Protein backbone atom coordinates (compact mmCIF):
# COMPACT_ATOMS: atom_id res chain seq x y z
CA MET A 1 24.11 -8.42 3.42
CA SER A 2 25.67 -11.73 2.44
CA GLU A 3 29.26 -12.39 1.49
CA ILE A 4 30.33 -11.46 -2.02
CA ALA A 5 31.89 -14.87 -2.52
CA ALA A 6 33.43 -17.72 -0.61
CA GLY A 7 36.55 -16.64 1.22
CA PRO A 8 37.13 -13.52 3.30
CA ILE A 9 34.00 -11.98 4.78
CA ARG A 10 33.28 -8.54 3.35
CA HIS A 11 32.07 -5.84 5.68
CA PRO A 12 28.67 -4.39 4.72
CA VAL A 13 28.09 -0.66 5.11
CA LEU A 14 25.68 2.05 3.89
CA LEU A 15 27.17 5.30 2.60
CA ASP A 16 25.83 8.82 2.91
CA LEU A 17 26.81 10.28 -0.46
CA HIS A 18 24.72 13.43 -0.26
CA GLY A 19 26.84 16.35 -1.46
CA ARG A 20 29.91 14.14 -1.89
CA GLY A 21 31.82 13.68 -5.14
CA VAL A 22 31.58 10.39 -7.02
CA VAL A 23 33.32 9.59 -10.30
CA VAL A 24 31.77 7.23 -12.83
CA VAL A 25 34.08 6.06 -15.60
CA GLY A 26 32.08 4.89 -18.59
CA GLY A 27 28.94 6.06 -20.34
CA GLY A 28 27.06 2.92 -21.31
CA VAL A 29 24.03 1.05 -19.96
CA VAL A 30 25.58 -0.04 -16.65
CA ALA A 31 27.14 3.37 -16.04
CA THR A 32 23.76 4.97 -16.73
CA ARG A 33 21.97 2.81 -14.19
CA ARG A 34 24.63 3.39 -11.54
CA THR A 35 24.74 7.13 -12.18
CA ILE A 36 21.00 7.52 -11.82
CA ASN A 37 21.15 5.66 -8.49
CA LEU A 38 24.00 7.87 -7.31
CA LEU A 39 22.13 11.04 -8.26
CA ASP A 40 19.07 9.76 -6.39
CA ALA A 41 21.33 9.38 -3.35
CA GLY A 42 22.34 13.03 -3.62
CA ALA A 43 25.88 12.47 -4.88
CA VAL A 44 27.75 15.05 -6.96
CA VAL A 45 28.58 12.95 -10.01
CA ARG A 46 31.30 13.39 -12.61
CA VAL A 47 31.09 11.03 -15.60
CA VAL A 48 34.28 10.43 -17.56
CA SER A 49 33.59 8.98 -21.02
CA PRO A 50 34.08 10.00 -24.65
CA VAL A 51 30.40 9.26 -25.37
CA LEU A 52 27.29 9.04 -23.23
CA SER A 53 24.04 7.14 -23.45
CA ASP A 54 21.01 9.22 -24.37
CA ASP A 55 19.86 9.30 -20.73
CA LEU A 56 23.26 10.42 -19.43
CA ALA A 57 23.54 13.01 -22.18
CA ALA A 58 20.18 14.46 -21.17
CA LEU A 59 21.27 14.59 -17.52
CA ALA A 60 24.50 16.33 -18.53
CA ARG A 61 22.62 18.93 -20.58
CA SER A 62 20.33 19.60 -17.61
CA GLY A 63 23.30 20.19 -15.33
CA ALA A 64 22.50 17.19 -13.10
CA LEU A 65 26.03 15.82 -13.63
CA GLU A 66 29.44 16.89 -14.91
CA HIS A 67 30.59 15.28 -18.15
CA VAL A 68 34.27 14.94 -18.97
CA ALA A 69 34.12 14.08 -22.69
CA ARG A 70 37.25 11.97 -23.13
CA GLY A 71 38.84 8.78 -21.93
CA TYR A 72 40.09 8.32 -18.40
CA VAL A 73 43.40 9.89 -17.33
CA ARG A 74 45.19 9.95 -14.03
CA GLY A 75 43.90 12.77 -11.86
CA ASP A 76 40.22 12.27 -12.77
CA LEU A 77 39.61 10.82 -9.31
CA ASP A 78 40.79 13.90 -7.43
CA GLY A 79 38.28 14.87 -4.73
CA ALA A 80 36.18 11.72 -5.11
CA TRP A 81 34.84 9.73 -2.20
CA LEU A 82 33.81 6.79 -4.38
CA VAL A 83 34.57 5.56 -7.89
CA HIS A 84 32.53 3.38 -10.19
CA THR A 85 34.20 2.05 -13.33
CA ALA A 86 32.10 0.44 -16.05
CA THR A 87 33.92 0.99 -19.35
CA GLY A 88 33.84 -2.54 -20.71
CA HIS A 89 37.60 -2.30 -21.29
CA PRO A 90 39.57 -4.33 -18.70
CA ALA A 91 42.77 -2.31 -19.11
CA THR A 92 40.96 0.96 -18.41
CA ASP A 93 39.10 -0.52 -15.46
CA ASP A 94 42.41 -1.84 -14.10
CA ALA A 95 43.97 1.60 -14.35
CA VAL A 96 41.01 3.24 -12.59
CA ALA A 97 41.07 0.63 -9.81
CA ASP A 98 44.85 0.98 -9.33
CA ASP A 99 44.60 4.76 -9.07
CA ALA A 100 41.71 4.47 -6.65
CA ASP A 101 43.67 2.09 -4.43
CA ALA A 102 46.65 4.41 -4.43
CA ALA A 103 44.43 7.33 -3.41
CA ARG A 104 42.55 5.21 -0.84
CA ILE A 105 39.26 5.67 -2.62
CA TRP A 106 36.76 2.81 -2.70
CA CYS A 107 36.27 1.53 -6.25
CA ILE A 108 33.40 -0.54 -7.65
CA ARG A 109 34.34 -2.56 -10.75
CA THR A 110 31.39 -3.78 -12.79
CA GLY A 111 33.33 -6.00 -15.19
CA ASP A 112 35.33 -7.90 -12.55
CA PRO A 113 33.65 -7.87 -9.11
CA SER A 114 36.30 -10.22 -7.68
CA ALA A 115 38.91 -7.49 -8.22
CA SER A 116 36.82 -4.74 -6.65
CA SER A 117 37.43 -3.09 -3.32
CA ALA A 118 33.71 -2.28 -3.04
CA TRP A 119 30.50 -3.73 -4.43
CA SER A 120 27.08 -2.36 -5.32
CA SER A 121 24.12 -4.16 -3.83
CA ALA A 122 20.60 -4.84 -4.99
CA VAL A 123 18.57 -2.60 -2.68
CA ALA A 124 15.05 -2.97 -1.29
CA ARG A 125 13.52 0.04 0.44
CA SER A 126 10.30 0.20 2.38
CA GLY A 127 9.68 3.35 4.37
CA ASP A 128 12.77 3.91 6.51
CA VAL A 129 13.97 0.30 6.13
CA THR A 130 16.78 -0.44 3.66
CA VAL A 131 17.99 -3.95 2.83
CA ALA A 132 21.00 -4.41 0.56
CA VAL A 133 21.81 -7.80 -1.00
CA ASN A 134 24.93 -9.18 -2.63
CA ALA A 135 24.92 -12.76 -3.88
CA GLY A 136 28.38 -14.09 -4.68
CA GLY A 137 28.93 -11.71 -7.56
CA ASP A 138 25.72 -12.81 -9.32
CA PRO A 139 23.64 -9.64 -9.88
CA ARG A 140 20.56 -11.45 -11.18
CA ARG A 141 20.52 -13.70 -8.16
CA ALA A 142 20.89 -10.65 -5.89
CA ALA A 143 18.05 -8.87 -7.73
CA ALA A 144 15.77 -11.89 -7.31
CA ILE A 145 16.47 -12.05 -3.58
CA ARG A 146 16.01 -8.27 -3.32
CA SER A 147 12.60 -8.47 -5.02
CA ALA A 148 11.45 -11.24 -2.69
CA VAL A 149 12.57 -9.27 0.37
CA ALA A 150 10.90 -6.09 -0.95
CA THR A 151 7.60 -7.93 -1.30
CA LEU A 152 7.82 -9.19 2.27
CA LEU A 153 8.65 -5.70 3.52
CA ASP A 154 5.79 -4.09 1.62
CA THR A 155 3.25 -6.64 2.82
CA GLY A 156 4.39 -6.51 6.44
CA GLU A 157 5.50 -10.15 6.51
CA LEU A 158 8.88 -9.22 7.99
CA PRO A 159 9.29 -7.76 11.51
CA ILE A 160 9.62 -4.10 10.46
CA ARG A 161 8.18 -2.50 13.59
CA ARG A 162 10.37 0.25 15.06
CA ARG A 163 11.98 -0.67 18.40
CA ARG A 164 13.43 2.69 19.37
CA PRO A 165 11.34 5.76 20.28
CA GLY A 166 10.55 8.08 17.41
CA PRO A 167 8.02 10.64 16.21
CA GLY A 168 4.41 9.59 16.59
CA SER A 169 1.98 9.38 13.71
CA VAL A 170 -1.50 8.20 12.76
CA ALA A 171 -2.50 6.13 9.74
CA LEU A 172 -6.19 5.83 8.88
CA VAL A 173 -6.17 2.43 7.17
CA GLY A 174 -9.03 0.97 5.17
CA GLY A 175 -9.01 -2.76 5.84
CA GLY A 176 -11.27 -3.75 2.97
CA PRO A 177 -14.61 -5.57 2.87
CA GLY A 178 -13.87 -8.51 5.18
CA ASP A 179 -11.36 -10.95 3.73
CA PRO A 180 -7.99 -10.04 5.36
CA GLY A 181 -6.28 -10.65 2.02
CA LEU A 182 -8.07 -7.63 0.54
CA ILE A 183 -6.29 -5.01 2.64
CA THR A 184 -3.84 -2.96 0.55
CA ALA A 185 -0.13 -3.76 0.71
CA ARG A 186 0.55 -0.34 2.26
CA GLY A 187 -2.14 -0.83 4.87
CA ARG A 188 -0.69 -4.23 5.76
CA ARG A 189 2.82 -2.78 6.13
CA LEU A 190 1.67 0.09 8.34
CA LEU A 191 -0.21 -2.37 10.53
CA ALA A 192 2.98 -4.41 10.95
CA GLN A 193 4.78 -1.22 12.08
CA ALA A 194 2.10 -0.12 14.55
CA ASP A 195 2.59 0.40 18.28
CA VAL A 196 -1.13 1.05 18.80
CA VAL A 197 -4.10 -0.23 16.78
CA VAL A 198 -7.55 1.31 17.21
CA VAL A 199 -9.79 -1.27 15.55
CA ASP A 200 -13.37 -1.30 14.29
CA ARG A 201 -15.80 -4.20 14.57
CA LEU A 202 -15.86 -4.79 10.80
CA ALA A 203 -12.10 -4.47 10.24
CA PRO A 204 -10.13 -7.59 9.17
CA ARG A 205 -9.54 -8.66 12.74
CA GLU A 206 -7.67 -11.83 11.80
CA LEU A 207 -4.67 -9.59 11.10
CA LEU A 208 -4.45 -8.65 14.78
CA ALA A 209 -3.12 -12.13 15.56
CA GLY A 210 0.12 -11.25 13.80
CA LEU A 211 0.88 -8.23 15.98
CA ASP A 212 3.57 -8.26 18.65
CA ASP A 213 2.32 -9.01 22.16
CA ASP A 214 3.13 -5.50 23.38
CA VAL A 215 1.11 -3.71 20.68
CA GLU A 216 -1.81 -1.91 22.33
CA VAL A 217 -5.14 -2.86 20.72
CA ILE A 218 -8.04 -0.52 21.48
CA GLU A 219 -11.56 -1.62 20.63
CA ALA A 220 -13.57 1.08 18.87
CA GLY A 221 -16.24 -1.10 17.32
CA LYS A 222 -19.66 0.22 16.49
CA SER A 223 -22.79 -1.86 15.97
CA PRO A 224 -26.32 -0.64 15.21
CA ASP A 225 -27.25 -0.76 18.88
CA ALA A 226 -23.98 -0.15 20.74
CA HIS A 227 -20.75 1.85 20.54
CA THR A 228 -17.64 0.79 22.47
CA ILE A 229 -16.38 4.40 22.67
CA THR A 230 -17.68 7.62 21.15
CA GLN A 231 -16.19 9.27 18.08
CA ASP A 232 -14.81 12.13 20.18
CA GLU A 233 -13.10 9.59 22.42
CA ILE A 234 -11.62 7.84 19.37
CA ASN A 235 -10.26 11.14 18.09
CA ALA A 236 -8.72 11.86 21.49
CA VAL A 237 -7.08 8.43 21.67
CA LEU A 238 -5.50 8.81 18.23
CA VAL A 239 -4.04 12.19 19.12
CA ASP A 240 -2.93 11.15 22.62
CA ARG A 241 -1.07 8.03 21.52
CA ALA A 242 0.59 9.78 18.59
CA GLN A 243 1.72 12.68 20.77
CA ALA A 244 3.24 10.10 23.12
CA GLY A 245 5.52 8.99 20.26
CA HIS A 246 3.60 5.93 19.06
CA ARG A 247 2.80 4.83 15.54
CA VAL A 248 -0.98 4.52 15.57
CA VAL A 249 -3.11 2.66 13.03
CA ARG A 250 -6.83 3.29 12.94
CA LEU A 251 -7.94 0.04 11.32
CA LYS A 252 -11.37 0.23 9.71
CA GLY A 253 -13.50 -1.95 7.51
CA GLY A 254 -13.93 -0.84 3.92
CA ASP A 255 -12.56 2.62 3.14
CA PRO A 256 -11.96 5.30 5.81
CA PHE A 257 -13.74 7.94 3.75
CA VAL A 258 -16.80 5.91 2.70
CA LEU A 259 -19.23 6.24 5.63
CA GLY A 260 -16.30 5.60 7.95
CA ARG A 261 -15.89 8.96 9.73
CA GLY A 262 -12.32 9.07 8.51
CA GLY A 263 -12.70 12.73 7.66
CA GLU A 264 -13.48 13.58 11.28
CA GLU A 265 -10.43 11.68 12.49
CA LEU A 266 -8.22 13.33 9.88
CA LEU A 267 -9.36 16.79 10.95
CA ALA A 268 -8.79 15.97 14.64
CA CYS A 269 -5.20 14.88 13.93
CA LEU A 270 -4.47 17.91 11.77
CA ALA A 271 -5.90 20.27 14.41
CA ALA A 272 -3.56 18.72 16.99
CA GLY A 273 -0.52 18.94 14.72
CA VAL A 274 -0.21 15.15 14.46
CA GLU A 275 1.30 13.61 11.32
CA VAL A 276 -1.49 11.65 9.64
CA GLU A 277 -1.80 9.49 6.54
CA VAL A 278 -4.91 8.14 4.85
CA VAL A 279 -4.67 4.69 3.26
CA PRO A 280 -7.70 3.98 1.05
CA GLY A 281 -9.37 0.61 1.30
CA VAL A 282 -11.64 -1.51 -0.87
CA THR A 283 -15.15 -0.38 0.05
CA SER A 284 -17.75 -3.04 0.81
CA ALA A 285 -20.31 -1.00 -1.12
CA PHE A 286 -18.78 -2.27 -4.36
CA ALA A 287 -16.64 -5.24 -3.34
CA VAL A 288 -19.35 -7.22 -1.53
CA PRO A 289 -21.81 -7.11 -4.45
CA ALA A 290 -18.93 -8.09 -6.76
CA ALA A 291 -18.14 -11.05 -4.53
CA ALA A 292 -21.76 -12.16 -4.94
CA GLY A 293 -21.58 -11.83 -8.73
CA ILE A 294 -23.42 -8.50 -8.86
CA PRO A 295 -21.72 -5.68 -10.77
CA VAL A 296 -23.14 -2.41 -9.46
CA THR A 297 -22.91 -1.00 -13.00
CA HIS A 298 -23.40 -2.98 -16.20
CA ARG A 299 -23.76 -1.92 -19.82
CA ASN A 300 -27.37 -1.57 -20.89
CA VAL A 301 -28.53 -2.36 -17.34
CA SER A 302 -27.21 0.30 -14.96
CA ARG A 303 -25.06 3.33 -15.69
CA GLN A 304 -24.91 4.77 -12.17
CA VAL A 305 -24.75 3.67 -8.56
CA THR A 306 -25.81 5.46 -5.36
CA VAL A 307 -24.46 4.48 -1.93
CA VAL A 308 -26.53 5.33 1.13
CA SER A 309 -26.12 4.91 4.88
CA ALA A 310 -29.50 3.40 5.78
CA HIS A 311 -29.26 2.63 9.50
CA ASP A 312 -31.78 5.35 10.34
CA ALA A 313 -34.59 7.35 8.68
CA ALA A 314 -32.32 10.15 7.47
CA PRO A 315 -31.96 9.35 3.73
CA ASP A 316 -33.96 11.38 1.23
CA TRP A 317 -36.14 8.50 0.11
CA PRO A 318 -38.20 10.49 -2.42
CA ALA A 319 -34.99 11.49 -4.23
CA LEU A 320 -33.57 7.97 -4.03
CA ALA A 321 -36.77 6.44 -5.41
CA ARG A 322 -36.54 8.66 -8.51
CA LEU A 323 -32.96 7.68 -9.32
CA ASP A 324 -32.18 5.26 -12.12
CA GLY A 325 -29.45 2.66 -11.75
CA THR A 326 -28.32 0.75 -8.68
CA LEU A 327 -28.99 1.62 -5.06
CA VAL A 328 -26.59 0.21 -2.43
CA LEU A 329 -27.70 0.40 1.19
CA LEU A 330 -25.10 0.04 3.92
CA MET A 331 -26.23 -0.71 7.47
CA GLY A 332 -29.75 -1.25 6.15
CA VAL A 333 -30.72 -4.71 7.42
CA THR A 334 -32.45 -3.64 10.63
CA ARG A 335 -34.93 -1.42 8.78
CA LEU A 336 -35.06 -3.43 5.56
CA LYS A 337 -38.86 -3.83 5.68
CA GLN A 338 -39.44 -0.09 6.13
CA HIS A 339 -36.94 0.83 3.42
CA ALA A 340 -38.44 -1.54 0.84
CA ALA A 341 -41.97 -0.37 1.59
CA ARG A 342 -40.93 3.27 1.36
CA LEU A 343 -39.29 2.79 -2.05
CA ILE A 344 -42.44 1.07 -3.40
CA GLU A 345 -44.63 3.79 -1.94
CA LEU A 346 -42.54 6.43 -3.72
CA GLY A 347 -42.69 4.80 -7.13
CA ARG A 348 -40.15 2.02 -7.38
CA VAL A 349 -41.63 -1.06 -9.05
CA ALA A 350 -42.41 -3.74 -6.47
CA SER A 351 -40.76 -6.40 -8.66
CA THR A 352 -37.40 -4.58 -8.59
CA PRO A 353 -34.73 -7.19 -7.74
CA VAL A 354 -33.03 -6.93 -4.35
CA ALA A 355 -30.07 -8.82 -2.90
CA VAL A 356 -28.88 -8.91 0.71
CA ILE A 357 -25.28 -10.14 1.02
CA GLU A 358 -24.14 -11.07 4.52
CA ARG A 359 -20.48 -11.23 5.62
CA GLY A 360 -19.26 -10.45 2.12
CA THR A 361 -15.90 -11.81 0.84
CA THR A 362 -15.55 -14.12 3.87
CA PRO A 363 -16.01 -17.90 3.88
CA ASP A 364 -19.40 -17.32 5.57
CA GLN A 365 -20.75 -15.11 2.79
CA ARG A 366 -24.44 -15.69 2.10
CA THR A 367 -26.77 -14.01 -0.40
CA THR A 368 -30.54 -13.69 -0.18
CA ILE A 369 -32.30 -12.55 -3.36
CA GLY A 370 -35.86 -11.33 -3.75
CA THR A 371 -37.77 -8.24 -4.80
CA LEU A 372 -38.80 -5.05 -3.06
CA ALA A 373 -42.13 -6.75 -2.42
CA ASP A 374 -40.83 -9.83 -0.62
CA ILE A 375 -37.17 -9.27 0.40
CA ALA A 376 -38.02 -8.36 4.00
CA GLU A 377 -40.03 -11.56 4.46
CA LEU A 378 -37.30 -13.68 2.86
CA ALA A 379 -34.60 -12.06 4.99
CA ALA A 380 -36.60 -12.62 8.16
CA ALA A 381 -37.15 -16.28 7.29
CA ARG A 382 -33.39 -16.76 6.81
CA ALA A 383 -32.53 -14.75 9.96
CA VAL A 384 -30.37 -12.33 7.98
CA ARG A 385 -28.06 -10.29 10.21
CA SER A 386 -25.54 -7.50 9.78
CA PRO A 387 -22.94 -6.95 8.54
CA ALA A 388 -24.72 -7.03 5.22
CA VAL A 389 -24.96 -4.99 2.05
CA VAL A 390 -28.31 -4.46 0.33
CA VAL A 391 -28.38 -4.00 -3.45
CA VAL A 392 -31.49 -2.70 -5.18
CA GLY A 393 -31.81 -2.69 -8.98
CA PRO A 394 -31.87 -4.80 -12.14
CA VAL A 395 -28.16 -5.68 -11.82
CA VAL A 396 -29.19 -8.15 -9.10
CA ALA A 397 -30.62 -10.36 -11.86
CA LEU A 398 -27.05 -10.92 -13.08
CA ALA A 399 -26.09 -12.66 -9.85
CA GLU A 400 -27.06 -16.15 -10.97
CA SER A 401 -24.94 -16.02 -14.13
CA LEU A 402 -21.93 -14.32 -12.48
CA ALA A 403 -21.96 -15.83 -8.98
CA GLY A 404 -18.77 -17.58 -7.95
CA THR A 405 -16.45 -15.12 -9.70
CA TYR A 406 -14.79 -14.43 -6.35
CA ARG A 407 -13.03 -17.17 -4.41
CA THR A 408 -11.92 -16.73 -0.84
CA PRO A 409 -8.39 -17.91 0.01
CA SER A 410 -8.11 -21.39 1.49
């Protein structure tokens, strides 16, 4: 907290008001806002005012607060731990403040902060972090600073990692399709709080550079031909580190529940009694085509989209060949020739447009466009490599007119 104004330094403190009596004198807009905040903090609130705002009246009818329907009189502060006066009448506020001082009760005066013995702050909360701001008696200035701090807290730009031991937990975080700026704000904040990060090959690895030096980073990357550690070993690591009291982030590319084995990891944590949270991510199945100017659905072109893991021969190709709309193949580059031939064999028109988008949403993004008949040859000539997303369907023809709609950050 900053000083309230030039002069004596005020001492900042947070109050536990749960179950404690607080008196609010006044029933207008400011009193309403303060009362709602006090109720959220668990305070037992008595509002003294001849009339109430609609919101306060509704709270009084519901029994959430006690309403004393008259003007303030001496004795209304009995039993209070804190007083907030916001009547708009200086003489009444003076009387409330004088009585509070005499009873040694802290009093917040809205109309004249310089005469207060206590001050409300603009508060930013993010998880278990609370930041309160006062700005020389200027509430709008304090609110602006609070909002800026809240944004930095939510995006993990401030050092919010816990330094004392605490309960362990696991967060399964979807890191998005490649560009580190496309991780969600919650995912970014949890990463900033992590003691251990178990990271995939396709996760936004640039974000690891911002971690503290003592954060343990465990490689769990999988490629078509090699796995760093098995899925059972990953599950065991998540549980082990969490049970040791660490905050663990399982950082994945895309979304944890879209061909990411997040469900298996969730079940392993639940079976071990470990607190676990799932943070959805932007899946590459839709984001990468969008970055290349290809909407996977488009009016009068495609009304449905099917996403398939195509790194082996498991998909039901006869069923897929019969489907209308757009087909998105993930992990399908290695067997692209076989997949294209199989779709033609099963009835897909050989001239069906196909796009292969490599390293989507990153500065190295590259798109190769052809048809089912020639895409494998074109991809081989351009030495196309994973990670890549394959899109099959007439929406690919929109790429030329819509390409460039996504711009990577400089």
